Protein backbone atom coordinates (compact mmCIF):
# COMPACT_ATOMS: atom_id res chain seq x y z
CA MET A 1 61.71 -82.01 -4.21
CA GLU A 2 63.41 -84.53 -6.41
CA ASN A 3 62.69 -88.25 -6.75
CA LYS A 4 59.32 -88.05 -5.04
CA GLU A 5 55.93 -89.39 -6.09
CA ALA A 6 53.75 -87.02 -8.07
CA PHE A 7 50.28 -86.15 -6.77
CA MET A 8 51.10 -86.69 -3.08
CA TRP A 9 50.66 -84.22 -0.22
CA TYR A 10 54.14 -83.18 0.95
CA MET A 11 54.14 -81.22 4.18
CA PRO A 12 55.40 -81.44 7.75
CA LYS A 13 53.72 -84.33 9.55
CA TRP A 14 51.43 -83.16 12.37
CA LEU A 15 52.00 -85.02 15.66
CA GLY A 16 49.48 -83.22 17.84
CA VAL A 17 49.73 -80.66 20.62
CA ASP A 18 52.43 -80.39 23.28
CA PRO A 19 50.54 -81.03 26.57
CA ASP A 20 53.00 -78.88 28.54
CA ASN A 21 52.50 -75.58 26.70
CA GLY A 22 49.88 -76.07 23.96
CA ASP A 23 52.34 -75.59 21.05
CA PRO A 24 51.81 -77.61 17.88
CA LEU A 25 54.17 -80.56 17.36
CA TRP A 26 55.65 -81.51 13.98
CA GLU A 27 57.86 -84.46 13.02
CA ASN A 28 61.54 -83.74 12.34
CA ILE A 29 63.65 -86.47 10.69
CA ILE A 30 67.31 -86.74 11.71
CA TYR A 31 69.65 -87.90 8.92
CA ASP A 32 73.23 -89.20 9.06
CA GLU A 33 75.56 -86.51 7.70
CA ASN A 34 77.76 -89.00 5.80
CA THR A 35 75.27 -91.47 4.32
CA GLY A 36 72.12 -89.37 4.26
CA GLU A 37 70.15 -92.25 5.79
CA GLU A 38 67.47 -91.66 8.38
CA ILE A 39 68.70 -92.11 11.96
CA SER A 40 65.66 -91.15 14.03
CA ARG A 41 62.53 -89.03 14.23
CA GLU A 42 61.69 -86.48 16.90
CA ALA A 43 58.98 -83.97 17.68
CA THR A 44 59.63 -80.25 17.24
CA ASN A 45 57.40 -77.25 17.85
CA SER A 46 59.03 -75.28 15.02
CA TYR A 47 57.23 -75.59 11.67
CA ALA A 48 60.34 -74.23 9.92
CA ASN A 49 62.52 -77.06 11.31
CA ALA A 50 60.06 -79.86 10.45
CA ASP A 51 60.82 -82.01 7.41
CA PHE A 52 58.45 -82.18 4.46
CA GLN A 53 57.33 -85.76 3.82
CA ALA A 54 54.58 -87.59 1.98
CA VAL A 55 51.55 -87.57 4.29
CA GLY A 56 48.83 -88.81 1.95
CA SER A 57 47.33 -89.07 -1.50
CA PRO A 58 44.53 -86.88 -2.85
CA PHE A 59 43.11 -89.88 -4.73
CA PRO A 60 40.61 -92.19 -3.01
CA ASP A 61 41.23 -95.90 -2.43
CA PHE A 62 37.72 -96.56 -3.72
CA ASN A 63 34.47 -94.75 -4.42
CA GLY A 64 30.98 -95.62 -5.57
CA GLY A 65 27.35 -94.72 -5.52
CA LEU A 66 23.78 -95.94 -5.31
CA GLY A 67 20.62 -94.49 -6.72
CA THR A 68 16.94 -95.33 -6.50
CA LEU A 69 13.65 -94.06 -7.86
CA VAL A 70 10.26 -94.99 -6.41
CA SER A 71 6.99 -94.11 -8.14
CA TRP A 72 3.46 -94.57 -6.84
CA LYS A 73 0.22 -93.13 -8.26
CA GLY A 74 1.98 -90.40 -10.21
CA LEU A 75 4.24 -89.37 -7.32
CA SER A 76 7.96 -90.01 -7.72
CA LEU A 77 10.71 -89.95 -5.13
CA GLY A 78 14.37 -90.31 -6.08
CA ALA A 79 17.55 -90.52 -4.02
CA THR A 80 21.21 -90.70 -4.95
CA PHE A 81 24.04 -91.58 -2.55
CA ASN A 82 27.76 -91.57 -3.24
CA TYR A 83 30.83 -92.29 -1.15
CA VAL A 84 34.57 -91.85 -1.24
CA TYR A 85 37.09 -93.58 1.05
CA GLY A 86 40.83 -93.37 1.62
CA MET A 87 41.96 -89.94 0.45
CA LYS A 88 43.53 -87.00 2.22
CA LEU A 89 42.09 -83.49 1.86
């Protein structure tokens, strides 16, 4: 794929399950033949016909952590917590 962002997940966009028959639904983008511009989007149950598009970044929006250590009469208890938010796996 040319002219696309590096380090993004490019794959057919999942739209859910067709309630009529249980097939998976993917997003297909319809383009104008002359200009190449997007006209509309529709659901398709064919993975092969679905268009690859950027669906998320593997890098988090933010992350952090917190640690603590408590000691009392020679007994120590430590805990470490970390978090990550805003990335796609």
